[in-house]
Amino acid sequence: MAGRDIMVAKISEDILHYGILPWLPCKYLSRFKSVSRKWNHLISHDLGFMQKQSSHGSPVSFGFVYKRPHGIILYPVDIPRELNICMPNSFFPTLPVGIIYNNILALVGHLLLVVLMKSNSKIYYVWNLATKVGHTIPIINDSQCLGLALDTSTTATSGYKLVNLVLGRWADSEEYLFHIYSSATRRWSVSDHKLIIKDTLAFHGQIHPLSTKRVIYWDRTPYLLWFDVEKDVTGYMSLPTVNEGGGVRSQKLGVTYDEEILTVIRLLTNRAITIWMMAKKGGWVRKHQIHLIDNIPMKILGDVYVSNINQIDLLSFHGGDTVYLHIRFDNTLILCCYNITTGEITKINQFAGLLQVSCPSMFLNHNSLVRLN
């Protein structure tokens, strides 16, 4: 209208670049790279932008990480009507002759913690998927309970800390100490914190850690131990009751991909599956009980009879209405998903050859790490 001034609000560059754009799906960002050279550099190479974007990964962009002796592969799960960008093999380190992958310990954001083997010696290594830079971690004793978390106290966008849980037994109690490695100092130190738990059962087997962005958890049934790297505090809590009408055959810790709410998924001896989640006010709540193991359709198995299945492994539960599981027989592994709402089970892929899924949480928002240069 004539004679009237029009006011246009202006958004600062910092807010646009680091507060708005990192939230967008990668398929839109790949188009915005053609806006200008500045935007192309921001989206493709800016480490601050990568850090922001990796913390806001799209929930429809994920896959599972598997270990082979001479390499790591990412298998993205395709979602209908969504663009899932595959992770190139170049995102994982190429190993020199004589070194093989031994284990995947943690995958947090854009950081991968692996164990390598050279002859009979272990090498602990942290690899940055975004920058393709890695560091060898100095060896310490009893490094079997090692977890990884992002370090927000440092100005470096790729800062992290490793926490190693050290167990000592006494007559009627267990004592837990914490050794901490900082990427800022490149040194190990002994934390002032320790936990003493009385009247615990004798230790059997390895304690598997679950690494998240700022908290590391250790499944020490019937307790769950934790260390908050950001707040520098530790503690423990009880896991859900094991009296569910059947003994617990196996269980996996996990966190939801959006709010990082703790989850526990269990396979019971009566072949039922139960899913527990931590309530916002504390305490465990059983969300689902599923009976699907005896009702796997033959189209999933092909020529394999149910009696020939060697093992059924549940993968960590990350929220939503989907449960992922592995069916193993002979030298073959089938990745399946079960829709809790519809009751439908779907075969995603079948892998031949030796594959190891040793990390408790194999979920990865991989689209946020891919740069289409």
Foldseek 3Di string as FASTA:
>chain_A
DPPDDDDDDDDDPCCVLQVPVLLDFLVVLVVCLVVDVVSVCSQFPDLSSLLSNLLNFDPQEKFFWWFDFQAIATDIFDDPPDDHDGDDRLLDDHDDPQKTWDAWQADERQKTWTWIDHPHDIWIKIAGSQVRDMDTADDDPPQQAKEKAAEPVDPDSRKIKIWGWDWDDDDFKIKIWIWMATPVVSDIDTAPDMDIGGRDDDDDDGWRWYYYHFKIWTDPPQKIWMAGNHVGDIDMDGDDDQPPVFGFPDKFWFAASPPGWIKIWTQGPVRKIWIWTADPVGDIDTDDIGRCLVPDDCVQVPPDDSVQWPDKAWAHDHDDQKTWIWTDGDQKIWIWIAGNVPRDIGTRDMDGHDIDDDHRHRIRSCSSSDRPD
